[in-house]
Amino acid sequence: MPIYEYECRKCGKRFEKIQSFSDKPINKCNDCGGPAHRVISVPAIQFKGTGWYVTDYARKGKLSEKKEESAESRESPAREKESKAAAGN
């Protein structure tokens, strides 16, 4: 069940309530009885399980440089042939 955050319009106090999705929102503050409204807040994200490692994400720097070098080395034989052919003409 999700945790909802509420704020009282009268006293300004914030409080949380565990509720089902189908439950009606709370309208009154538990402390002063003033009108309360649901606040939209940033949820907490928790990754569980295997596979969440630093190596799973793309790194900038050495790894990307290696990829660029390998891409250039794959293209270079074709470029060498073209440059030799152009030099021979």
PDB file of N, CA and C in Angstrom:
ATOM      1  N   MET A   1       0.836  -1.182   0.000  1.00  0.00           N
ATOM      2  CA  MET A   1       0.000   0.000   0.000  1.00  0.00           C
ATOM      3  C   MET A   1       0.882   1.246   0.000  1.00  0.00           C
ATOM      4  N   PRO A   2       0.466   2.252  -0.737  1.00  0.00           N
ATOM      5  CA  PRO A   2       1.264   3.474  -0.807  1.00  0.00           C
ATOM      6  C   PRO A   2       1.127   4.344   0.445  1.00  0.00           C
ATOM      7  N   ILE A   3       2.149   5.160   0.653  1.00  0.00           N
ATOM      8  CA  ILE A   3       2.128   6.137   1.733  1.00  0.00           C
ATOM      9  C   ILE A   3       1.820   7.489   1.105  1.00  0.00           C
ATOM     10  N   TYR A   4       0.758   8.133   1.564  1.00  0.00           N
ATOM     11  CA  TYR A   4       0.376   9.445   1.063  1.00  0.00           C
ATOM     12  C   TYR A   4       0.774  10.512   2.062  1.00  0.00           C
ATOM     13  N   GLU A   5       1.188  11.653   1.537  1.00  0.00           N
ATOM     14  CA  GLU A   5       1.586  12.769   2.387  1.00  0.00           C
ATOM     15  C   GLU A   5       0.501  13.843   2.306  1.00  0.00           C
ATOM     16  N   TYR A   6       0.139  14.373   3.469  1.00  0.00           N
ATOM     17  CA  TYR A   6      -0.882  15.409   3.566  1.00  0.00           C
ATOM     18  C   TYR A   6      -0.312  16.640   4.245  1.00  0.00           C
ATOM     19  N   GLU A   7      -0.936  17.789   3.984  1.00  0.00           N
ATOM     20  CA  GLU A   7      -0.550  19.032   4.634  1.00  0.00           C
ATOM     21  C   GLU A   7      -1.811  19.770   5.079  1.00  0.00           C
ATOM     22  N   CYS A   8      -1.757  20.276   6.315  1.00  0.00           N
ATOM     23  CA  CYS A   8      -2.890  21.024   6.852  1.00  0.00           C
ATOM     24  C   CYS A   8      -2.800  22.468   6.357  1.00  0.00           C
ATOM     25  N   ARG A   9      -3.911  22.993   5.869  1.00  0.00           N
ATOM     26  CA  ARG A   9      -3.934  24.371   5.384  1.00  0.00           C
ATOM     27  C   ARG A   9      -3.981  25.371   6.535  1.00  0.00           C
ATOM     28  N   LYS A  10      -4.419  24.923   7.690  1.00  0.00           N
ATOM     29  CA  LYS A  10      -4.555  25.822   8.840  1.00  0.00           C
ATOM     30  C   LYS A  10      -3.245  25.928   9.630  1.00  0.00           C
ATOM     31  N   CYS A  11      -2.703  24.809  10.091  1.00  0.00           N
ATOM     32  CA  CYS A  11      -1.503  24.840  10.933  1.00  0.00           C
ATOM     33  C   CYS A  11      -0.215  24.565  10.156  1.00  0.00           C
ATOM     34  N   GLY A  12      -0.313  24.078   8.908  1.00  0.00           N
ATOM     35  CA  GLY A  12       0.856  23.833   8.070  1.00  0.00           C
ATOM     36  C   GLY A  12       1.588  22.536   8.356  1.00  0.00           C
ATOM     37  N   LYS A  13       1.082  21.728   9.276  1.00  0.00           N
ATOM     38  CA  LYS A  13       1.742  20.469   9.617  1.00  0.00           C
ATOM     39  C   LYS A  13       1.597  19.473   8.471  1.00  0.00           C
ATOM     40  N   ARG A  14       2.680  18.731   8.224  1.00  0.00           N
ATOM     41  CA  ARG A  14       2.661  17.651   7.226  1.00  0.00           C
ATOM     42  C   ARG A  14       2.644  16.324   7.950  1.00  0.00           C
ATOM     43  N   PHE A  15       1.849  15.387   7.431  1.00  0.00           N
ATOM     44  CA  PHE A  15       1.784  14.051   8.012  1.00  0.00           C
ATOM     45  C   PHE A  15       1.562  13.036   6.909  1.00  0.00           C
ATOM     46  N   GLU A  16       1.919  11.787   7.205  1.00  0.00           N
ATOM     47  CA  GLU A  16       1.795  10.697   6.241  1.00  0.00           C
ATOM     48  C   GLU A  16       0.739   9.705   6.686  1.00  0.00           C
ATOM     49  N   LYS A  17       0.126   9.053   5.714  1.00  0.00           N
ATOM     50  CA  LYS A  17      -0.899   8.058   6.010  1.00  0.00           C
ATOM     51  C   LYS A  17      -0.778   6.917   5.000  1.00  0.00           C
ATOM     52  N   ILE A  18      -0.712   5.686   5.490  1.00  0.00           N
ATOM     53  CA  ILE A  18      -0.719   4.514   4.620  1.00  0.00           C
ATOM     54  C   ILE A  18      -2.167   4.222   4.259  1.00  0.00           C
ATOM     55  N   GLN A  19      -2.448   4.261   2.959  1.00  0.00           N
ATOM     56  CA  GLN A  19      -3.815   4.057   2.482  1.00  0.00           C
ATOM     57  C   GLN A  19      -3.817   3.186   1.237  1.00  0.00           C
ATOM     58  N   SER A  20      -4.935   2.558   1.000  1.00  0.00           N
ATOM     59  CA  SER A  20      -5.141   1.805  -0.220  1.00  0.00           C
ATOM     60  C   SER A  20      -5.442   2.790  -1.349  1.00  0.00           C
ATOM     61  N   PHE A  21      -5.287   2.345  -2.578  1.00  0.00           N
ATOM     62  CA  PHE A  21      -5.602   3.209  -3.709  1.00  0.00           C
ATOM     63  C   PHE A  21      -7.078   3.613  -3.723  1.00  0.00           C
ATOM     64  N   SER A  22      -7.919   2.755  -3.227  1.00  0.00           N
ATOM     65  CA  SER A  22      -9.361   3.021  -3.273  1.00  0.00           C
ATOM     66  C   SER A  22      -9.859   3.844  -2.088  1.00  0.00           C
ATOM     67  N   ASP A  23      -9.022   4.065  -1.054  1.00  0.00           N
ATOM     68  CA  ASP A  23      -9.438   4.871   0.095  1.00  0.00           C
ATOM     69  C   ASP A  23      -9.625   6.331  -0.301  1.00  0.00           C
ATOM     70  N   LYS A  24     -10.582   6.978   0.370  1.00  0.00           N
ATOM     71  CA  LYS A  24     -10.822   8.399   0.121  1.00  0.00           C
ATOM     72  C   LYS A  24      -9.730   9.218   0.798  1.00  0.00           C
ATOM     73  N   PRO A  25      -9.348  10.344   0.188  1.00  0.00           N
ATOM     74  CA  PRO A  25      -8.329  11.192   0.807  1.00  0.00           C
ATOM     75  C   PRO A  25      -8.803  11.766   2.143  1.00  0.00           C
ATOM     76  N   ILE A  26      -7.843  12.045   3.011  1.00  0.00           N
ATOM     77  CA  ILE A  26      -8.157  12.636   4.315  1.00  0.00           C
ATOM     78  C   ILE A  26      -8.463  14.116   4.126  1.00  0.00           C
ATOM     79  N   ASN A  27      -9.505  14.610   4.790  1.00  0.00           N
ATOM     80  CA  ASN A  27      -9.918  15.998   4.644  1.00  0.00           C
ATOM     81  C   ASN A  27      -9.586  16.860   5.852  1.00  0.00           C
ATOM     82  N   LYS A  28      -9.313  16.219   7.006  1.00  0.00           N
ATOM     83  CA  LYS A  28      -9.084  16.977   8.232  1.00  0.00           C
ATOM     84  C   LYS A  28      -7.735  16.629   8.846  1.00  0.00           C
ATOM     85  N   CYS A  29      -7.099  17.647   9.441  1.00  0.00           N
ATOM     86  CA  CYS A  29      -5.841  17.469  10.145  1.00  0.00           C
ATOM     87  C   CYS A  29      -6.105  16.751  11.468  1.00  0.00           C
ATOM     88  N   ASN A  30      -5.225  15.817  11.820  1.00  0.00           N
ATOM     89  CA  ASN A  30      -5.383  15.071  13.071  1.00  0.00           C
ATOM     90  C   ASN A  30      -5.123  15.946  14.301  1.00  0.00           C
ATOM     91  N   ASP A  31      -4.301  16.987  14.166  1.00  0.00           N
ATOM     92  CA  ASP A  31      -3.949  17.840  15.307  1.00  0.00           C
ATOM     93  C   ASP A  31      -4.950  18.962  15.561  1.00  0.00           C
ATOM     94  N   CYS A  32      -5.188  19.803  14.539  1.00  0.00           N
ATOM     95  CA  CYS A  32      -6.032  20.984  14.765  1.00  0.00           C
ATOM     96  C   CYS A  32      -7.435  20.862  14.183  1.00  0.00           C
ATOM     97  N   GLY A  33      -7.672  19.861  13.342  1.00  0.00           N
ATOM     98  CA  GLY A  33      -8.992  19.682  12.740  1.00  0.00           C
ATOM     99  C   GLY A  33      -9.219  20.551  11.522  1.00  0.00           C
ATOM    100  N   GLY A  34      -8.188  21.288  11.097  1.00  0.00           N
ATOM    101  CA  GLY A  34      -8.301  22.147   9.910  1.00  0.00           C
ATOM    102  C   GLY A  34      -8.331  21.341   8.630  1.00  0.00           C
ATOM    103  N   PRO A  35      -8.603  22.017   7.522  1.00  0.00           N
ATOM    104  CA  PRO A  35      -8.659  21.310   6.237  1.00  0.00           C
ATOM    105  C   PRO A  35      -7.273  20.844   5.794  1.00  0.00           C
ATOM    106  N   ALA A  36      -7.193  19.618   5.326  1.00  0.00           N
ATOM    107  CA  ALA A  36      -5.936  19.038   4.858  1.00  0.00           C
ATOM    108  C   ALA A  36      -6.073  18.649   3.395  1.00  0.00           C
ATOM    109  N   HIS A  37      -4.964  18.659   2.693  1.00  0.00           N
ATOM    110  CA  HIS A  37      -4.954  18.240   1.289  1.00  0.00           C
ATOM    111  C   HIS A  37      -3.746  17.352   1.030  1.00  0.00           C
ATOM    112  N   ARG A  38      -3.881  16.493   0.018  1.00  0.00           N
ATOM    113  CA  ARG A  38      -2.814  15.562  -0.337  1.00  0.00           C
ATOM    114  C   ARG A  38      -1.722  16.325  -1.089  1.00  0.00           C
ATOM    115  N   VAL A  39      -0.485  16.036  -0.732  1.00  0.00           N
ATOM    116  CA  VAL A  39       0.670  16.691  -1.340  1.00  0.00           C
ATOM    117  C   VAL A  39       1.351  15.700  -2.274  1.00  0.00           C
ATOM    118  N   ILE A  40       1.729  16.183  -3.450  1.00  0.00           N
ATOM    119  CA  ILE A  40       2.470  15.350  -4.382  1.00  0.00           C
ATOM    120  C   ILE A  40       3.943  15.491  -4.029  1.00  0.00           C
ATOM    121  N   SER A  41       4.576  14.372  -3.742  1.00  0.00           N
ATOM    122  CA  SER A  41       5.984  14.393  -3.367  1.00  0.00           C
ATOM    123  C   SER A  41       6.757  13.379  -4.200  1.00  0.00           C
ATOM    124  N   VAL A  42       8.070  13.476  -4.155  1.00  0.00           N
ATOM    125  CA  VAL A  42       8.938  12.589  -4.910  1.00  0.00           C
ATOM    126  C   VAL A  42       8.965  11.216  -4.239  1.00  0.00           C
ATOM    127  N   PRO A  43       8.682  10.160  -4.988  1.00  0.00           N
ATOM    128  CA  PRO A  43       8.714   8.829  -4.393  1.00  0.00           C
ATOM    129  C   PRO A  43      10.141   8.323  -4.201  1.00  0.00           C
ATOM    130  N   ALA A  44      10.309   7.444  -3.270  1.00  0.00           N
ATOM    131  CA  ALA A  44      11.601   6.795  -3.064  1.00  0.00           C
ATOM    132  C   ALA A  44      11.682   5.596  -4.000  1.00  0.00           C
ATOM    133  N   ILE A  45      12.821   5.426  -4.631  1.00  0.00           N
ATOM    134  CA  ILE A  45      13.019   4.304  -5.548  1.00  0.00           C
ATOM    135  C   ILE A  45      14.045   3.375  -4.931  1.00  0.00           C
ATOM    136  N   GLN A  46      13.726   2.112  -4.925  1.00  0.00           N
ATOM    137  CA  GLN A  46      14.628   1.129  -4.339  1.00  0.00           C
ATOM    138  C   GLN A  46      14.813  -0.002  -5.334  1.00  0.00           C
ATOM    139  N   PHE A  47      16.043  -0.181  -5.806  1.00  0.00           N
ATOM    140  CA  PHE A  47      16.351  -1.258  -6.738  1.00  0.00           C
ATOM    141  C   PHE A  47      16.725  -2.495  -5.941  1.00  0.00           C
ATOM    142  N   LYS A  48      16.053  -3.590  -6.232  1.00  0.00           N
ATOM    143  CA  LYS A  48      16.342  -4.847  -5.551  1.00  0.00           C
ATOM    144  C   LYS A  48      16.693  -5.900  -6.584  1.00  0.00           C
ATOM    145  N   GLY A  49      17.469  -6.859  -6.167  1.00  0.00           N
ATOM    146  CA  GLY A  49      17.791  -7.963  -7.052  1.00  0.00           C
ATOM    147  C   GLY A  49      19.192  -7.850  -7.601  1.00  0.00           C
ATOM    148  N   THR A  50      19.542  -8.798  -8.437  1.00  0.00           N
ATOM    149  CA  THR A  50      20.887  -8.816  -9.000  1.00  0.00           C
ATOM    150  C   THR A  50      20.929  -7.987 -10.271  1.00  0.00           C
ATOM    151  N   GLY A  51      22.123  -7.571 -10.630  1.00  0.00           N
ATOM    152  CA  GLY A  51      22.295  -6.867 -11.890  1.00  0.00           C
ATOM    153  C   GLY A  51      22.422  -5.371 -11.768  1.00  0.00           C
ATOM    154  N   TRP A  52      22.237  -4.808 -10.607  1.00  0.00           N
ATOM    155  CA  TRP A  52      22.338  -3.353 -10.456  1.00  0.00           C
ATOM    156  C   TRP A  52      23.731  -3.001  -9.965  1.00  0.00           C
ATOM    157  N   TYR A  53      24.625  -2.895 -10.900  1.00  0.00           N
ATOM    158  CA  TYR A  53      26.017  -2.602 -10.575  1.00  0.00           C
ATOM    159  C   TYR A  53      26.485  -1.386 -11.360  1.00  0.00           C
ATOM    160  N   VAL A  54      27.577  -0.818 -10.950  1.00  0.00           N
ATOM    161  CA  VAL A  54      28.148   0.330 -11.639  1.00  0.00           C
ATOM    162  C   VAL A  54      28.502  -0.033 -13.072  1.00  0.00           C
ATOM    163  N   THR A  55      28.905  -1.260 -13.288  1.00  0.00           N
ATOM    164  CA  THR A  55      29.312  -1.687 -14.625  1.00  0.00           C
ATOM    165  C   THR A  55      28.129  -1.815 -15.587  1.00  0.00           C
ATOM    166  N   ASP A  56      26.903  -1.737 -15.097  1.00  0.00           N
ATOM    167  CA  ASP A  56      25.729  -1.846 -15.955  1.00  0.00           C
ATOM    168  C   ASP A  56      25.425  -0.550 -16.699  1.00  0.00           C
ATOM    169  N   TYR A  57      26.053   0.541 -16.310  1.00  0.00           N
ATOM    170  CA  TYR A  57      25.759   1.831 -16.900  1.00  0.00           C
ATOM    171  C   TYR A  57      26.911   2.274 -17.799  1.00  0.00           C
ATOM    172  N   ALA A  58      26.583   2.990 -18.833  1.00  0.00           N
ATOM    173  CA  ALA A  58      27.605   3.474 -19.755  1.00  0.00           C
ATOM    174  C   ALA A  58      28.500   4.472 -19.036  1.00  0.00           C
ATOM    175  N   ARG A  59      29.786   4.297 -19.236  1.00  0.00           N
ATOM    176  CA  ARG A  59      30.754   5.201 -18.621  1.00  0.00           C
ATOM    177  C   ARG A  59      31.360   6.093 -19.679  1.00  0.00           C
ATOM    178  N   LYS A  60      31.615   7.301 -19.311  1.00  0.00           N
ATOM    179  CA  LYS A  60      32.330   8.201 -20.206  1.00  0.00           C
ATOM    180  C   LYS A  60      33.801   8.104 -19.860  1.00  0.00           C
ATOM    181  N   GLY A  61      34.633   8.382 -20.835  1.00  0.00           N
ATOM    182  CA  GLY A  61      36.058   8.348 -20.554  1.00  0.00           C
ATOM    183  C   GLY A  61      36.732   7.201 -21.268  1.00  0.00           C
ATOM    184  N   LYS A  62      37.420   6.377 -20.520  1.00  0.00           N
ATOM    185  CA  LYS A  62      38.246   5.309 -21.096  1.00  0.00           C
ATOM    186  C   LYS A  62      37.435   4.332 -21.935  1.00  0.00           C
ATOM    187  N   LEU A  63      36.264   3.943 -21.459  1.00  0.00           N
ATOM    188  CA  LEU A  63      35.463   2.963 -22.183  1.00  0.00           C
ATOM    189  C   LEU A  63      34.987   3.528 -23.519  1.00  0.00           C
ATOM    190  N   SER A  64      34.506   4.773 -23.527  1.00  0.00           N
ATOM    191  CA  SER A  64      34.026   5.355 -24.778  1.00  0.00           C
ATOM    192  C   SER A  64      35.175   5.614 -25.742  1.00  0.00           C
ATOM    193  N   GLU A  65      36.377   5.940 -25.207  1.00  0.00           N
ATOM    194  CA  GLU A  65      37.546   6.121 -26.065  1.00  0.00           C
ATOM    195  C   GLU A  65      37.932   4.812 -26.737  1.00  0.00           C
ATOM    196  N   LYS A  66      37.854   3.704 -26.015  1.00  0.00           N
ATOM    197  CA  LYS A  66      38.177   2.399 -26.579  1.00  0.00           C
ATOM    198  C   LYS A  66      37.218   2.037 -27.704  1.00  0.00           C
ATOM    199  N   LYS A  67      35.937   2.364 -27.507  1.00  0.00           N
ATOM    200  CA  LYS A  67      34.947   2.076 -28.547  1.00  0.00           C
ATOM    201  C   LYS A  67      35.242   2.880 -29.804  1.00  0.00           C
ATOM    202  N   GLU A  68      35.624   4.159 -29.628  1.00  0.00           N
ATOM    203  CA  GLU A  68      35.943   4.997 -30.775  1.00  0.00           C
ATOM    204  C   GLU A  68      37.170   4.472 -31.500  1.00  0.00           C
ATOM    205  N   GLU A  69      38.196   4.047 -30.759  1.00  0.00           N
ATOM    206  CA  GLU A  69      39.413   3.515 -31.358  1.00  0.00           C
ATOM    207  C   GLU A  69      39.127   2.246 -32.149  1.00  0.00           C
ATOM    208  N   SER A  70      38.290   1.368 -31.598  1.00  0.00           N
ATOM    209  CA  SER A  70      37.981   0.125 -32.296  1.00  0.00           C
ATOM    210  C   SER A  70      37.162   0.399 -33.547  1.00  0.00           C
ATOM    211  N   ALA A  71      36.303   1.400 -33.515  1.00  0.00           N
ATOM    212  CA  ALA A  71      35.521   1.760 -34.698  1.00  0.00           C
ATOM    213  C   ALA A  71      36.436   2.316 -35.782  1.00  0.00           C
ATOM    214  N   GLU A  72      37.436   3.116 -35.390  1.00  0.00           N
ATOM    215  CA  GLU A  72      38.383   3.665 -36.353  1.00  0.00           C
ATOM    216  C   GLU A  72      39.242   2.562 -36.962  1.00  0.00           C
ATOM    217  N   SER A  73      39.654   1.593 -36.154  1.00  0.00           N
ATOM    218  CA  SER A  73      40.503   0.517 -36.661  1.00  0.00           C
ATOM    219  C   SER A  73      39.749  -0.365 -37.648  1.00  0.00           C
ATOM    220  N   ARG A  74      38.439  -0.485 -37.475  1.00  0.00           N
ATOM    221  CA  ARG A  74      37.653  -1.263 -38.423  1.00  0.00           C
ATOM    222  C   ARG A  74      37.530  -0.532 -39.758  1.00  0.00           C
ATOM    223  N   GLU A  75      37.515   0.786 -39.739  1.00  0.00           N
ATOM    224  CA  GLU A  75      37.358   1.566 -40.955  1.00  0.00           C
ATOM    225  C   GLU A  75      38.697   1.808 -41.655  1.00  0.00           C
ATOM    226  N   SER A  76      39.783   1.776 -40.934  1.00  0.00           N
ATOM    227  CA  SER A  76      41.083   2.177 -41.482  1.00  0.00           C
ATOM    228  C   SER A  76      41.566   1.325 -42.659  1.00  0.00           C
ATOM    229  N   PRO A  77      41.401   0.000 -42.727  1.00  0.00           N
ATOM    230  CA  PRO A  77      41.881  -0.744 -43.899  1.00  0.00           C
ATOM    231  C   PRO A  77      41.235  -0.266 -45.195  1.00  0.00           C
ATOM    232  N   ALA A  78      39.955   0.036 -45.157  1.00  0.00           N
ATOM    233  CA  ALA A  78      39.271   0.517 -46.358  1.00  0.00           C
ATOM    234  C   ALA A  78      39.795   1.888 -46.740  1.00  0.00           C
ATOM    235  N   ARG A  79      40.040   2.726 -45.753  1.00  0.00           N
ATOM    236  CA  ARG A  79      40.549   4.069 -46.026  1.00  0.00           C
ATOM    237  C   ARG A  79      41.984   4.004 -46.565  1.00  0.00           C
ATOM    238  N   GLU A  80      42.784   3.062 -46.064  1.00  0.00           N
ATOM    239  CA  GLU A  80      44.159   2.905 -46.549  1.00  0.00           C
ATOM    240  C   GLU A  80      44.163   2.529 -48.025  1.00  0.00           C
ATOM    241  N   LYS A  81      43.266   1.628 -48.417  1.00  0.00           N
ATOM    242  CA  LYS A  81      43.185   1.220 -49.814  1.00  0.00           C
ATOM    243  C   LYS A  81      42.807   2.401 -50.694  1.00  0.00           C
ATOM    244  N   GLU A  82      41.844   3.219 -50.219  1.00  0.00           N
ATOM    245  CA  GLU A  82      41.405   4.383 -50.986  1.00  0.00           C
ATOM    246  C   GLU A  82      42.539   5.390 -51.143  1.00  0.00           C
ATOM    247  N   SER A  83      43.283   5.645 -50.028  1.00  0.00           N
ATOM    248  CA  SER A  83      44.377   6.618 -50.102  1.00  0.00           C
ATOM    249  C   SER A  83      45.510   6.113 -50.996  1.00  0.00           C
ATOM    250  N   LYS A  84      45.806   4.793 -50.980  1.00  0.00           N
ATOM    251  CA  LYS A  84      46.844   4.219 -51.855  1.00  0.00           C
ATOM    252  C   LYS A  84      46.416   4.318 -53.310  1.00  0.00           C
ATOM    253  N   ALA A  85      45.133   4.056 -53.572  1.00  0.00           N
ATOM    254  CA  ALA A  85      44.637   4.127 -54.939  1.00  0.00           C
ATOM    255  C   ALA A  85      44.701   5.571 -55.456  1.00  0.00           C
ATOM    256  N   ALA A  86      44.381   6.514 -54.580  1.00  0.00           N
ATOM    257  CA  ALA A  86      44.416   7.925 -54.977  1.00  0.00           C
ATOM    258  C   ALA A  86      45.866   8.371 -55.204  1.00  0.00           C
ATOM    259  N   ALA A  87      46.805   7.874 -54.418  1.00  0.00           N
ATOM    260  CA  ALA A  87      48.211   8.230 -54.561  1.00  0.00           C
ATOM    261  C   ALA A  87      48.802   7.635 -55.826  1.00  0.00           C
ATOM    262  N   GLY A  88      48.329   6.489 -56.230  1.00  0.00           N
ATOM    263  CA  GLY A  88      48.835   5.803 -57.418  1.00  0.00           C
ATOM    264  C   GLY A  88      48.371   6.464 -58.704  1.00  0.00           C
ATOM    265  N   ASN A  89      47.307   7.230 -58.695  1.00  0.00           N
ATOM    266  CA  ASN A  89      46.793   7.879 -59.905  1.00  0.00           C
ATOM    267  C   ASN A  89      47.560   9.081 -60.286  1.00  0.00           C
TER     268      ASN A  89
END
